[in-house]
Amino acid sequence: MGCFARLGCLVILALIAVAGWLTRDQWLPKLTGHPTTAAAVSTWQPLSPEAASRGQKKIDELASPSGPVFSNPTASEVASYVFQTVARTIPASADSAEAAVIGDALYVRAVVPIREIAGTGVLGPLGGLLNDRERLQLGGAFHVLRPGLSEFEVREIKLRDFKVPSGAIPRLVQQISRGNRPEGVAPNALPVTTPRSLADVRIANGRVTLYKTTGNPTP
């Protein structure tokens, strides 16, 4: 009976623990003062010219002397703006492009023709395991390098369910990227033209925050 009693107590404790975990979004923010990771995760949003225009508007507002000192665009607005400015980064024949902000990273994914990526053999044996069209997913963060130029640092690449080794990311990024790479852009990053008024981009807790430059931007 003692054994069964102890087992019953363990079951009750387990049920309490599960209930606490499932309801953490209600009580954890009150305890810590911060939103939970699960609550901060954004859903995937489609990329579109309309979202790019909204992102452009929010960035342009930072340039106004009377504008806000920071802005919080959605994942779709940021990604649409970025990939509008580097239109050839993802092949023109890509489709189903989406974006999401998860934790401290921005993710973009689209279905792309593998032949446009694997043509130089950068994927190695992995290229032989993929279909003609597969979902490509990029994950990373932004850095403002200097007034007018930022970079999207790619920290993670997935093709279908295969994670590309970190050592191969720079080669793959340069394979899918087009055009000249400005000086100072990291080997695993995509260059992004941004307004000189943009001072910093931070991604944390499922949210993107753009900060404006105070005073006159330096050349």
N, C-alpha and C. Protein backbone atom coordinates (compact mmCIF):
# COMPACT_ATOMS: atom_id res chain seq x y z
N MET A 1 0.84 -1.21 0.00
CA MET A 1 0.00 0.00 0.00
C MET A 1 0.86 1.25 0.00
N GLY A 2 2.00 1.17 0.73
CA GLY A 2 2.89 2.32 0.76
C GLY A 2 3.44 2.64 -0.61
N CYS A 3 3.73 1.56 -1.36
CA CYS A 3 4.25 1.74 -2.72
C CYS A 3 3.22 2.40 -3.61
N PHE A 4 1.94 1.90 -3.51
CA PHE A 4 0.88 2.49 -4.31
C PHE A 4 0.63 3.93 -3.92
N ALA A 5 0.74 4.23 -2.63
CA ALA A 5 0.53 5.61 -2.17
C ALA A 5 1.59 6.53 -2.76
N ARG A 6 2.85 6.05 -2.72
CA ARG A 6 3.92 6.87 -3.29
C ARG A 6 3.74 7.07 -4.79
N LEU A 7 3.28 5.97 -5.47
CA LEU A 7 3.04 6.07 -6.91
C LEU A 7 1.94 7.07 -7.21
N GLY A 8 0.90 7.04 -6.36
CA GLY A 8 -0.20 8.00 -6.54
C GLY A 8 0.28 9.43 -6.37
N CYS A 9 1.14 9.65 -5.40
CA CYS A 9 1.68 11.00 -5.18
C CYS A 9 2.50 11.46 -6.38
N LEU A 10 3.28 10.54 -6.94
CA LEU A 10 4.08 10.89 -8.10
C LEU A 10 3.20 11.25 -9.29
N VAL A 11 2.10 10.50 -9.48
CA VAL A 11 1.18 10.79 -10.57
C VAL A 11 0.56 12.17 -10.38
N ILE A 12 0.15 12.48 -9.16
CA ILE A 12 -0.44 13.78 -8.88
C ILE A 12 0.55 14.90 -9.14
N LEU A 13 1.80 14.70 -8.69
CA LEU A 13 2.84 15.72 -8.92
C LEU A 13 3.09 15.90 -10.41
N ALA A 14 3.09 14.79 -11.15
CA ALA A 14 3.31 14.88 -12.60
C ALA A 14 2.18 15.65 -13.26
N LEU A 15 0.94 15.38 -12.84
CA LEU A 15 -0.21 16.09 -13.41
C LEU A 15 -0.13 17.59 -13.10
N ILE A 16 0.28 17.92 -11.88
CA ILE A 16 0.42 19.33 -11.51
C ILE A 16 1.50 20.00 -12.36
N ALA A 17 2.62 19.28 -12.58
CA ALA A 17 3.71 19.83 -13.39
C ALA A 17 3.25 20.06 -14.82
N VAL A 18 2.53 19.09 -15.39
CA VAL A 18 2.02 19.24 -16.76
C VAL A 18 1.05 20.41 -16.85
N ALA A 19 0.14 20.51 -15.88
CA ALA A 19 -0.82 21.60 -15.89
C ALA A 19 -0.12 22.95 -15.78
N GLY A 20 0.91 23.00 -14.94
CA GLY A 20 1.67 24.24 -14.80
C GLY A 20 2.37 24.62 -16.09
N TRP A 21 2.93 23.62 -16.78
CA TRP A 21 3.63 23.89 -18.06
C TRP A 21 2.64 24.37 -19.12
N LEU A 22 1.48 23.74 -19.21
CA LEU A 22 0.50 24.10 -20.22
C LEU A 22 -0.09 25.49 -19.99
N THR A 23 -0.12 25.93 -18.74
CA THR A 23 -0.69 27.25 -18.43
C THR A 23 0.38 28.29 -18.12
N ARG A 24 1.64 28.02 -18.53
CA ARG A 24 2.75 28.92 -18.17
C ARG A 24 2.60 30.30 -18.78
N ASP A 25 1.90 30.39 -19.93
CA ASP A 25 1.71 31.70 -20.56
C ASP A 25 0.88 32.64 -19.68
N GLN A 26 0.11 32.06 -18.75
CA GLN A 26 -0.74 32.87 -17.89
C GLN A 26 -0.01 33.33 -16.63
N TRP A 27 0.83 32.43 -16.05
CA TRP A 27 1.43 32.79 -14.76
C TRP A 27 2.90 33.17 -14.83
N LEU A 28 3.64 32.66 -15.87
CA LEU A 28 5.08 32.93 -15.92
C LEU A 28 5.40 34.41 -16.16
N PRO A 29 4.69 35.12 -17.08
CA PRO A 29 4.99 36.54 -17.26
C PRO A 29 4.80 37.37 -15.99
N LYS A 30 3.80 36.99 -15.17
CA LYS A 30 3.57 37.72 -13.91
C LYS A 30 4.70 37.47 -12.93
N LEU A 31 5.29 36.27 -13.01
CA LEU A 31 6.37 35.92 -12.09
C LEU A 31 7.68 36.56 -12.48
N THR A 32 7.98 36.54 -13.81
CA THR A 32 9.28 37.02 -14.30
C THR A 32 9.24 38.43 -14.87
N GLY A 33 8.06 38.87 -15.27
CA GLY A 33 7.96 40.18 -15.91
C GLY A 33 8.31 40.15 -17.37
N HIS A 34 8.53 38.95 -17.95
CA HIS A 34 8.89 38.82 -19.36
C HIS A 34 7.94 37.83 -20.02
N PRO A 35 7.63 38.02 -21.33
CA PRO A 35 6.79 37.06 -22.03
C PRO A 35 7.51 35.74 -22.22
N THR A 36 6.75 34.66 -22.28
CA THR A 36 7.36 33.36 -22.50
C THR A 36 7.77 33.24 -23.96
N THR A 37 8.72 32.33 -24.20
CA THR A 37 9.18 32.11 -25.57
C THR A 37 8.03 31.66 -26.45
N ALA A 38 7.20 30.76 -25.95
CA ALA A 38 6.09 30.25 -26.75
C ALA A 38 5.15 31.37 -27.15
N ALA A 39 4.91 32.32 -26.23
CA ALA A 39 4.00 33.41 -26.53
C ALA A 39 4.60 34.36 -27.53
N ALA A 40 5.94 34.43 -27.60
CA ALA A 40 6.59 35.40 -28.47
C ALA A 40 6.79 34.89 -29.88
N VAL A 41 6.67 33.56 -30.09
CA VAL A 41 6.91 33.00 -31.41
C VAL A 41 5.87 33.50 -32.40
N SER A 42 6.33 33.99 -33.54
CA SER A 42 5.43 34.47 -34.57
C SER A 42 5.06 33.35 -35.52
N THR A 43 3.92 33.48 -36.17
CA THR A 43 3.53 32.52 -37.18
C THR A 43 4.16 32.91 -38.51
N TRP A 44 4.22 31.96 -39.42
CA TRP A 44 4.76 32.23 -40.74
C TRP A 44 3.81 33.14 -41.50
N GLN A 45 4.37 34.16 -42.16
CA GLN A 45 3.60 35.14 -42.91
C GLN A 45 4.12 35.20 -44.34
N PRO A 46 3.24 35.31 -45.33
CA PRO A 46 3.69 35.35 -46.73
C PRO A 46 4.42 36.65 -47.06
N LEU A 47 5.43 36.55 -47.93
CA LEU A 47 6.11 37.74 -48.44
C LEU A 47 5.32 38.28 -49.62
N SER A 48 5.26 39.60 -49.73
CA SER A 48 4.49 40.20 -50.80
C SER A 48 4.96 41.63 -51.06
N PRO A 49 4.68 42.18 -52.25
CA PRO A 49 5.02 43.59 -52.52
C PRO A 49 4.33 44.54 -51.56
N GLU A 50 3.10 44.19 -51.14
CA GLU A 50 2.38 45.06 -50.21
C GLU A 50 3.07 45.09 -48.85
N ALA A 51 3.54 43.93 -48.39
CA ALA A 51 4.27 43.88 -47.12
C ALA A 51 5.58 44.65 -47.24
N ALA A 52 6.23 44.56 -48.41
CA ALA A 52 7.48 45.29 -48.62
C ALA A 52 7.24 46.80 -48.55
N SER A 53 6.11 47.26 -49.11
CA SER A 53 5.78 48.69 -49.07
C SER A 53 5.54 49.15 -47.63
N ARG A 54 4.88 48.31 -46.85
CA ARG A 54 4.64 48.68 -45.45
C ARG A 54 5.97 48.72 -44.69
N GLY A 55 6.84 47.76 -44.98
CA GLY A 55 8.15 47.77 -44.33
C GLY A 55 8.95 49.00 -44.72
N GLN A 56 8.91 49.35 -46.01
CA GLN A 56 9.60 50.55 -46.49
C GLN A 56 9.09 51.79 -45.77
N LYS A 57 7.77 51.89 -45.61
CA LYS A 57 7.17 53.05 -44.95
C LYS A 57 7.64 53.16 -43.51
N LYS A 58 7.68 52.05 -42.79
CA LYS A 58 8.10 52.09 -41.39
C LYS A 58 9.56 52.48 -41.25
N ILE A 59 10.38 52.01 -42.20
CA ILE A 59 11.79 52.39 -42.17
C ILE A 59 11.96 53.85 -42.52
N ASP A 60 11.20 54.32 -43.53
CA ASP A 60 11.30 55.73 -43.94
C ASP A 60 10.86 56.68 -42.83
N GLU A 61 9.90 56.23 -42.02
CA GLU A 61 9.41 57.09 -40.93
C GLU A 61 10.51 57.40 -39.93
N LEU A 62 11.49 56.50 -39.81
CA LEU A 62 12.59 56.73 -38.87
C LEU A 62 13.45 57.91 -39.32
N ALA A 63 13.44 58.21 -40.64
CA ALA A 63 14.27 59.30 -41.16
C ALA A 63 13.69 60.67 -40.86
N SER A 64 12.40 60.73 -40.54
CA SER A 64 11.76 62.00 -40.27
C SER A 64 12.16 62.53 -38.89
N PRO A 65 12.54 63.81 -38.79
CA PRO A 65 12.89 64.38 -37.48
C PRO A 65 11.77 64.22 -36.45
N SER A 66 10.52 64.26 -36.93
CA SER A 66 9.39 64.13 -36.02
C SER A 66 8.89 62.69 -35.93
N GLY A 67 9.59 61.77 -36.60
CA GLY A 67 9.16 60.38 -36.60
C GLY A 67 9.55 59.65 -35.33
N PRO A 68 9.11 58.40 -35.20
CA PRO A 68 9.42 57.61 -33.99
C PRO A 68 10.91 57.30 -33.91
N VAL A 69 11.39 57.01 -32.71
CA VAL A 69 12.80 56.64 -32.53
C VAL A 69 13.02 55.16 -32.78
N PHE A 70 11.93 54.38 -32.78
CA PHE A 70 12.04 52.97 -33.10
C PHE A 70 10.73 52.51 -33.74
N SER A 71 10.79 51.35 -34.37
CA SER A 71 9.61 50.80 -35.04
C SER A 71 9.65 49.28 -34.92
N ASN A 72 8.47 48.66 -34.94
CA ASN A 72 8.37 47.21 -34.82
C ASN A 72 7.62 46.62 -36.02
N PRO A 73 8.29 46.46 -37.14
CA PRO A 73 7.64 45.84 -38.30
C PRO A 73 7.43 44.35 -38.08
N THR A 74 6.53 43.77 -38.85
CA THR A 74 6.31 42.32 -38.76
C THR A 74 7.41 41.59 -39.52
N ALA A 75 7.47 40.27 -39.31
CA ALA A 75 8.46 39.46 -40.02
C ALA A 75 8.28 39.58 -41.52
N SER A 76 7.02 39.56 -41.98
CA SER A 76 6.74 39.65 -43.41
C SER A 76 7.18 40.99 -43.97
N GLU A 77 6.95 42.07 -43.23
CA GLU A 77 7.33 43.40 -43.71
C GLU A 77 8.85 43.54 -43.82
N VAL A 78 9.57 43.05 -42.81
CA VAL A 78 11.03 43.12 -42.84
C VAL A 78 11.58 42.26 -43.97
N ALA A 79 11.15 41.00 -44.03
CA ALA A 79 11.68 40.08 -45.03
C ALA A 79 11.32 40.51 -46.44
N SER A 80 10.09 40.97 -46.64
CA SER A 80 9.68 41.43 -47.97
C SER A 80 10.51 42.62 -48.40
N TYR A 81 10.77 43.54 -47.47
CA TYR A 81 11.60 44.70 -47.81
C TYR A 81 13.02 44.27 -48.15
N VAL A 82 13.58 43.37 -47.35
CA VAL A 82 14.95 42.92 -47.57
C VAL A 82 15.08 42.24 -48.93
N PHE A 83 14.19 41.31 -49.21
CA PHE A 83 14.33 40.54 -50.43
C PHE A 83 13.78 41.28 -51.65
N GLN A 84 13.20 42.44 -51.42
CA GLN A 84 12.89 43.33 -52.53
C GLN A 84 14.15 44.10 -52.93
N THR A 85 14.94 44.48 -51.91
CA THR A 85 16.17 45.22 -52.20
C THR A 85 17.27 44.34 -52.76
N VAL A 86 17.21 43.04 -52.47
CA VAL A 86 18.16 42.08 -53.06
C VAL A 86 17.33 41.04 -53.81
N ALA A 87 16.64 41.49 -54.84
CA ALA A 87 15.63 40.69 -55.53
C ALA A 87 16.18 39.38 -56.06
N ARG A 88 17.46 39.34 -56.39
CA ARG A 88 18.00 38.13 -56.98
C ARG A 88 18.57 37.16 -55.95
N THR A 89 18.44 37.50 -54.69
CA THR A 89 18.97 36.61 -53.65
C THR A 89 18.27 35.25 -53.70
N ILE A 90 16.95 35.28 -53.82
CA ILE A 90 16.22 34.04 -53.98
C ILE A 90 15.84 33.94 -55.45
N PRO A 91 16.04 32.80 -56.11
CA PRO A 91 15.75 32.69 -57.54
C PRO A 91 14.36 33.20 -57.89
N ALA A 92 14.26 33.82 -59.07
CA ALA A 92 13.00 34.43 -59.49
C ALA A 92 11.88 33.39 -59.59
N SER A 93 12.24 32.14 -59.84
CA SER A 93 11.25 31.09 -59.98
C SER A 93 10.82 30.49 -58.64
N ALA A 94 11.29 31.07 -57.54
CA ALA A 94 10.88 30.60 -56.22
C ALA A 94 9.41 30.95 -55.98
N ASP A 95 8.76 30.18 -55.14
CA ASP A 95 7.37 30.48 -54.79
C ASP A 95 7.11 30.11 -53.34
N SER A 96 5.92 30.45 -52.88
CA SER A 96 5.49 30.15 -51.51
C SER A 96 6.44 30.74 -50.48
N ALA A 97 6.95 31.95 -50.73
CA ALA A 97 7.89 32.58 -49.80
C ALA A 97 7.17 33.06 -48.56
N GLU A 98 7.75 32.77 -47.39
CA GLU A 98 7.17 33.14 -46.10
C GLU A 98 8.28 33.58 -45.16
N ALA A 99 7.89 34.25 -44.09
CA ALA A 99 8.86 34.69 -43.08
C ALA A 99 8.25 34.55 -41.70
N ALA A 100 9.13 34.40 -40.71
CA ALA A 100 8.70 34.34 -39.31
C ALA A 100 9.84 34.81 -38.43
N VAL A 101 9.50 35.45 -37.33
CA VAL A 101 10.48 35.80 -36.31
C VAL A 101 10.30 34.83 -35.16
N ILE A 102 11.35 34.05 -34.90
CA ILE A 102 11.28 33.03 -33.86
C ILE A 102 12.46 33.26 -32.92
N GLY A 103 12.16 33.58 -31.67
CA GLY A 103 13.22 33.86 -30.71
C GLY A 103 14.02 35.07 -31.11
N ASP A 104 15.32 34.88 -31.37
CA ASP A 104 16.19 36.00 -31.72
C ASP A 104 16.65 35.93 -33.17
N ALA A 105 15.85 35.32 -34.04
CA ALA A 105 16.25 35.18 -35.44
C ALA A 105 15.06 35.41 -36.37
N LEU A 106 15.37 35.90 -37.56
CA LEU A 106 14.39 36.02 -38.63
C LEU A 106 14.59 34.84 -39.58
N TYR A 107 13.50 34.17 -39.91
CA TYR A 107 13.56 33.03 -40.81
C TYR A 107 12.77 33.35 -42.08
N VAL A 108 13.33 32.96 -43.21
CA VAL A 108 12.67 33.10 -44.50
C VAL A 108 12.74 31.76 -45.21
N ARG A 109 11.64 31.34 -45.81
CA ARG A 109 11.64 30.07 -46.53
C ARG A 109 10.85 30.22 -47.82
N ALA A 110 11.25 29.44 -48.83
CA ALA A 110 10.58 29.45 -50.12
C ALA A 110 10.90 28.15 -50.84
N VAL A 111 10.03 27.77 -51.75
CA VAL A 111 10.27 26.60 -52.58
C VAL A 111 11.07 27.06 -53.79
N VAL A 112 12.25 26.48 -53.99
CA VAL A 112 13.17 26.94 -55.04
C VAL A 112 13.59 25.78 -55.93
N PRO A 113 14.00 26.08 -57.18
CA PRO A 113 14.56 25.03 -58.05
C PRO A 113 15.97 24.67 -57.60
N ILE A 114 16.19 23.44 -57.24
CA ILE A 114 17.47 23.01 -56.70
C ILE A 114 18.60 23.17 -57.71
N ARG A 115 18.32 23.05 -58.99
CA ARG A 115 19.38 23.15 -60.00
C ARG A 115 20.06 24.52 -59.97
N GLU A 116 19.34 25.57 -59.52
CA GLU A 116 19.93 26.90 -59.47
C GLU A 116 20.85 27.06 -58.26
N ILE A 117 20.77 26.12 -57.33
CA ILE A 117 21.62 26.18 -56.13
C ILE A 117 22.74 25.15 -56.21
N ALA A 118 22.39 23.95 -56.70
CA ALA A 118 23.34 22.84 -56.67
C ALA A 118 24.20 22.76 -57.93
N GLY A 119 24.05 23.71 -58.85
CA GLY A 119 24.75 23.64 -60.12
C GLY A 119 26.26 23.58 -59.99
N THR A 120 26.83 24.21 -58.98
CA THR A 120 28.29 24.23 -58.82
C THR A 120 28.79 23.11 -57.91
N GLY A 121 27.88 22.25 -57.46
CA GLY A 121 28.29 21.16 -56.59
C GLY A 121 28.48 21.57 -55.15
N VAL A 122 27.99 22.76 -54.77
CA VAL A 122 28.19 23.25 -53.41
C VAL A 122 27.49 22.37 -52.38
N LEU A 123 26.41 21.67 -52.81
CA LEU A 123 25.67 20.82 -51.87
C LEU A 123 26.29 19.44 -51.71
N GLY A 124 27.25 19.10 -52.56
CA GLY A 124 27.89 17.80 -52.45
C GLY A 124 26.89 16.66 -52.60
N PRO A 125 27.05 15.57 -51.83
CA PRO A 125 26.15 14.42 -51.94
C PRO A 125 24.69 14.76 -51.62
N LEU A 126 24.48 15.83 -50.85
CA LEU A 126 23.12 16.21 -50.48
C LEU A 126 22.30 16.54 -51.72
N GLY A 127 22.94 17.11 -52.75
CA GLY A 127 22.22 17.47 -53.95
C GLY A 127 21.53 16.29 -54.60
N GLY A 128 22.11 15.09 -54.48
CA GLY A 128 21.52 13.91 -55.08
C GLY A 128 20.32 13.38 -54.33
N LEU A 129 20.08 13.86 -53.11
CA LEU A 129 18.97 13.38 -52.30
C LEU A 129 17.74 14.26 -52.43
N LEU A 130 17.85 15.38 -53.16
CA LEU A 130 16.77 16.35 -53.23
C LEU A 130 16.01 16.25 -54.54
N ASN A 131 14.77 16.69 -54.52
CA ASN A 131 13.94 16.72 -55.71
C ASN A 131 14.26 17.95 -56.55
N ASP A 132 13.59 18.09 -57.68
CA ASP A 132 13.83 19.24 -58.55
C ASP A 132 13.52 20.56 -57.85
N ARG A 133 12.49 20.55 -57.01
CA ARG A 133 12.12 21.75 -56.24
C ARG A 133 11.99 21.36 -54.78
N GLU A 134 12.61 22.14 -53.92
CA GLU A 134 12.58 21.86 -52.49
C GLU A 134 12.42 23.17 -51.72
N ARG A 135 12.04 23.04 -50.45
CA ARG A 135 11.91 24.23 -49.60
C ARG A 135 13.28 24.62 -49.04
N LEU A 136 13.66 25.85 -49.30
CA LEU A 136 14.90 26.43 -48.77
C LEU A 136 14.55 27.35 -47.62
N GLN A 137 15.21 27.18 -46.49
CA GLN A 137 14.95 28.03 -45.32
C GLN A 137 16.25 28.65 -44.84
N LEU A 138 16.21 29.98 -44.67
CA LEU A 138 17.35 30.72 -44.14
C LEU A 138 16.96 31.31 -42.79
N GLY A 139 17.88 31.27 -41.85
CA GLY A 139 17.64 31.87 -40.54
C GLY A 139 18.85 32.68 -40.10
N GLY A 140 18.60 33.86 -39.55
CA GLY A 140 19.73 34.68 -39.12
C GLY A 140 19.31 35.99 -38.51
N ALA A 141 20.24 36.93 -38.50
CA ALA A 141 20.02 38.22 -37.84
C ALA A 141 20.59 39.34 -38.70
N PHE A 142 20.21 40.59 -38.36
CA PHE A 142 20.67 41.76 -39.09
C PHE A 142 21.76 42.50 -38.32
N HIS A 143 22.63 43.13 -39.10
CA HIS A 143 23.64 44.02 -38.52
C HIS A 143 23.74 45.25 -39.43
N VAL A 144 23.70 46.42 -38.83
CA VAL A 144 23.94 47.65 -39.59
C VAL A 144 25.44 47.86 -39.63
N LEU A 145 26.02 47.79 -40.82
CA LEU A 145 27.47 47.90 -40.96
C LEU A 145 27.93 49.34 -40.99
N ARG A 146 27.21 50.17 -41.70
CA ARG A 146 27.51 51.60 -41.80
C ARG A 146 26.28 52.28 -42.38
N PRO A 147 26.20 53.61 -42.30
CA PRO A 147 25.03 54.29 -42.84
C PRO A 147 24.75 53.89 -44.29
N GLY A 148 23.57 53.37 -44.53
CA GLY A 148 23.18 52.98 -45.88
C GLY A 148 23.40 51.52 -46.21
N LEU A 149 24.11 50.78 -45.36
CA LEU A 149 24.40 49.37 -45.66
C LEU A 149 24.24 48.50 -44.42
N SER A 150 23.47 47.43 -44.58
CA SER A 150 23.30 46.44 -43.53
C SER A 150 23.57 45.06 -44.14
N GLU A 151 23.57 44.04 -43.29
CA GLU A 151 23.73 42.68 -43.78
C GLU A 151 22.78 41.76 -43.03
N PHE A 152 22.32 40.73 -43.74
CA PHE A 152 21.53 39.67 -43.12
C PHE A 152 22.46 38.48 -42.95
N GLU A 153 22.91 38.25 -41.73
CA GLU A 153 23.85 37.18 -41.42
C GLU A 153 23.10 35.85 -41.35
N VAL A 154 23.41 34.96 -42.26
CA VAL A 154 22.73 33.66 -42.32
C VAL A 154 23.43 32.69 -41.38
N ARG A 155 22.74 32.31 -40.34
CA ARG A 155 23.30 31.39 -39.35
C ARG A 155 22.86 29.95 -39.57
N GLU A 156 21.76 29.78 -40.31
CA GLU A 156 21.21 28.44 -40.50
C GLU A 156 20.57 28.34 -41.88
N ILE A 157 20.82 27.22 -42.56
CA ILE A 157 20.19 26.94 -43.84
C ILE A 157 19.67 25.51 -43.80
N LYS A 158 18.42 25.34 -44.23
CA LYS A 158 17.85 24.01 -44.34
C LYS A 158 17.27 23.83 -45.73
N LEU A 159 17.48 22.68 -46.30
CA LEU A 159 16.86 22.27 -47.56
C LEU A 159 16.00 21.05 -47.26
N ARG A 160 14.71 21.23 -47.44
CA ARG A 160 13.73 20.24 -46.97
C ARG A 160 13.97 20.05 -45.48
N ASP A 161 14.34 18.84 -45.04
CA ASP A 161 14.60 18.61 -43.62
C ASP A 161 16.09 18.46 -43.34
N PHE A 162 16.93 18.75 -44.35
CA PHE A 162 18.37 18.60 -44.19
C PHE A 162 18.99 19.93 -43.78
N LYS A 163 19.72 19.92 -42.67
CA LYS A 163 20.41 21.11 -42.20
C LYS A 163 21.79 21.18 -42.84
N VAL A 164 22.08 22.28 -43.51
CA VAL A 164 23.37 22.44 -44.18
C VAL A 164 24.44 22.67 -43.12
N PRO A 165 25.58 21.98 -43.18
CA PRO A 165 26.66 22.20 -42.21
C PRO A 165 27.10 23.66 -42.20
N SER A 166 27.41 24.17 -41.01
CA SER A 166 27.76 25.59 -40.88
C SER A 166 28.95 25.98 -41.75
N GLY A 167 29.88 25.03 -41.96
CA GLY A 167 31.05 25.34 -42.79
C GLY A 167 30.71 25.57 -44.24
N ALA A 168 29.58 25.04 -44.70
CA ALA A 168 29.17 25.20 -46.10
C ALA A 168 28.28 26.40 -46.33
N ILE A 169 27.84 27.07 -45.25
CA ILE A 169 26.91 28.20 -45.39
C ILE A 169 27.50 29.34 -46.22
N PRO A 170 28.76 29.78 -45.98
CA PRO A 170 29.28 30.89 -46.81
C PRO A 170 29.27 30.58 -48.30
N ARG A 171 29.66 29.37 -48.70
CA ARG A 171 29.66 29.01 -50.12
C ARG A 171 28.26 29.01 -50.69
N LEU A 172 27.30 28.49 -49.91
CA LEU A 172 25.93 28.42 -50.39
C LEU A 172 25.31 29.82 -50.47
N VAL A 173 25.62 30.67 -49.50
CA VAL A 173 25.11 32.05 -49.52
C VAL A 173 25.62 32.77 -50.76
N GLN A 174 26.89 32.60 -51.07
CA GLN A 174 27.45 33.27 -52.25
C GLN A 174 26.94 32.65 -53.54
N GLN A 175 26.50 31.38 -53.48
CA GLN A 175 25.93 30.75 -54.66
C GLN A 175 24.54 31.30 -54.96
N ILE A 176 23.73 31.51 -53.92
CA ILE A 176 22.37 31.99 -54.15
C ILE A 176 22.31 33.50 -54.25
N SER A 177 23.39 34.17 -53.86
CA SER A 177 23.43 35.63 -53.95
C SER A 177 23.91 36.04 -55.33
N ARG A 178 23.53 37.25 -55.75
CA ARG A 178 23.91 37.75 -57.06
C ARG A 178 24.48 39.16 -56.92
N GLY A 179 25.26 39.57 -57.89
CA GLY A 179 25.76 40.94 -57.89
C GLY A 179 27.01 41.11 -57.03
N ASN A 180 27.48 42.36 -56.96
CA ASN A 180 28.69 42.68 -56.21
C ASN A 180 28.42 42.66 -54.71
N ARG A 181 29.44 42.26 -53.96
CA ARG A 181 29.33 42.25 -52.51
C ARG A 181 30.14 43.42 -51.96
N PRO A 182 29.49 44.38 -51.31
CA PRO A 182 30.22 45.53 -50.77
C PRO A 182 31.28 45.10 -49.76
N GLU A 183 32.29 45.90 -49.62
CA GLU A 183 33.35 45.61 -48.66
C GLU A 183 32.80 45.60 -47.25
N GLY A 184 33.22 44.62 -46.47
CA GLY A 184 32.81 44.53 -45.08
C GLY A 184 31.68 43.56 -44.82
N VAL A 185 31.01 43.08 -45.88
CA VAL A 185 29.92 42.12 -45.71
C VAL A 185 30.51 40.75 -45.41
N ALA A 186 30.02 40.09 -44.37
CA ALA A 186 30.55 38.79 -43.96
C ALA A 186 30.32 37.74 -45.04
N PRO A 187 31.19 36.71 -45.11
CA PRO A 187 31.04 35.66 -46.13
C PRO A 187 29.71 34.92 -46.06
N ASN A 188 29.12 34.85 -44.85
CA ASN A 188 27.85 34.14 -44.68
C ASN A 188 26.67 35.09 -44.60
N ALA A 189 26.82 36.30 -45.18
CA ALA A 189 25.76 37.30 -45.08
C ALA A 189 25.36 37.82 -46.45
N LEU A 190 24.13 38.34 -46.52
CA LEU A 190 23.60 38.95 -47.73
C LEU A 190 23.58 40.47 -47.52
N PRO A 191 24.14 41.25 -48.43
CA PRO A 191 24.12 42.71 -48.29
C PRO A 191 22.72 43.27 -48.50
N VAL A 192 22.35 44.25 -47.70
CA VAL A 192 21.03 44.88 -47.78
C VAL A 192 21.21 46.39 -47.75
N THR A 193 20.71 47.07 -48.76
CA THR A 193 20.74 48.53 -48.77
C THR A 193 19.65 49.05 -47.85
N THR A 194 20.02 49.88 -46.89
CA THR A 194 19.06 50.44 -45.94
C THR A 194 19.27 51.95 -45.83
N PRO A 195 18.25 52.70 -45.40
CA PRO A 195 18.38 54.14 -45.25
C PRO A 195 19.48 54.51 -44.26
N ARG A 196 20.10 55.64 -44.47
CA ARG A 196 21.16 56.10 -43.59
C ARG A 196 20.65 56.40 -42.19
N SER A 197 19.34 56.59 -42.08
CA SER A 197 18.76 56.89 -40.77
C SER A 197 18.63 55.66 -39.88
N LEU A 198 18.84 54.46 -40.44
CA LEU A 198 18.71 53.24 -39.65
C LEU A 198 20.00 53.00 -38.87
N ALA A 199 19.90 53.00 -37.54
CA ALA A 199 21.09 52.85 -36.69
C ALA A 199 21.30 51.42 -36.21
N ASP A 200 20.22 50.68 -35.98
CA ASP A 200 20.38 49.35 -35.41
C ASP A 200 19.12 48.53 -35.67
N VAL A 201 19.29 47.22 -35.76
CA VAL A 201 18.19 46.27 -35.90
C VAL A 201 18.39 45.19 -34.85
N ARG A 202 17.40 45.01 -34.01
CA ARG A 202 17.50 43.99 -32.96
C ARG A 202 16.33 43.02 -33.07
N ILE A 203 16.64 41.75 -32.92
CA ILE A 203 15.62 40.70 -32.95
C ILE A 203 15.70 39.95 -31.63
N ALA A 204 14.63 39.99 -30.87
CA ALA A 204 14.61 39.33 -29.56
C ALA A 204 13.17 39.05 -29.17
N ASN A 205 12.97 37.93 -28.51
CA ASN A 205 11.64 37.55 -28.00
C ASN A 205 10.58 37.58 -29.09
N GLY A 206 10.95 37.15 -30.30
CA GLY A 206 9.97 37.08 -31.38
C GLY A 206 9.57 38.41 -31.97
N ARG A 207 10.39 39.45 -31.78
CA ARG A 207 10.04 40.78 -32.28
C ARG A 207 11.25 41.45 -32.91
N VAL A 208 11.00 42.16 -34.02
CA VAL A 208 12.03 42.95 -34.69
C VAL A 208 11.85 44.40 -34.29
N THR A 209 12.94 45.06 -33.89
CA THR A 209 12.90 46.47 -33.54
C THR A 209 13.94 47.23 -34.35
N LEU A 210 13.50 48.27 -35.05
CA LEU A 210 14.39 49.13 -35.82
C LEU A 210 14.61 50.42 -35.03
N TYR A 211 15.87 50.86 -34.95
CA TYR A 211 16.18 52.09 -34.22
C TYR A 211 16.76 53.13 -35.18
N LYS A 212 16.37 54.38 -34.98
CA LYS A 212 16.85 55.45 -35.85
C LYS A 212 18.16 56.03 -35.33
N THR A 213 18.89 56.67 -36.22
CA THR A 213 20.10 57.37 -35.87
C THR A 213 19.74 58.69 -35.20
N THR A 214 20.39 58.99 -34.09
CA THR A 214 20.18 60.28 -33.43
C THR A 214 21.20 61.25 -33.94
N GLY A 215 20.76 62.40 -34.37
CA GLY A 215 21.68 63.38 -34.95
C GLY A 215 21.92 63.08 -36.41
N ASN A 216 22.91 63.64 -37.00
CA ASN A 216 23.24 63.43 -38.40
C ASN A 216 24.10 62.19 -38.56
N PRO A 217 23.70 61.28 -39.45
CA PRO A 217 24.53 60.08 -39.67
C PRO A 217 25.90 60.45 -40.19
N THR A 218 26.91 59.75 -39.73
CA THR A 218 28.26 60.01 -40.21
C THR A 218 28.42 59.41 -41.60
N PRO A 219 29.27 59.99 -42.46
CA PRO A 219 29.46 59.49 -43.81
C PRO A 219 30.01 58.08 -43.77
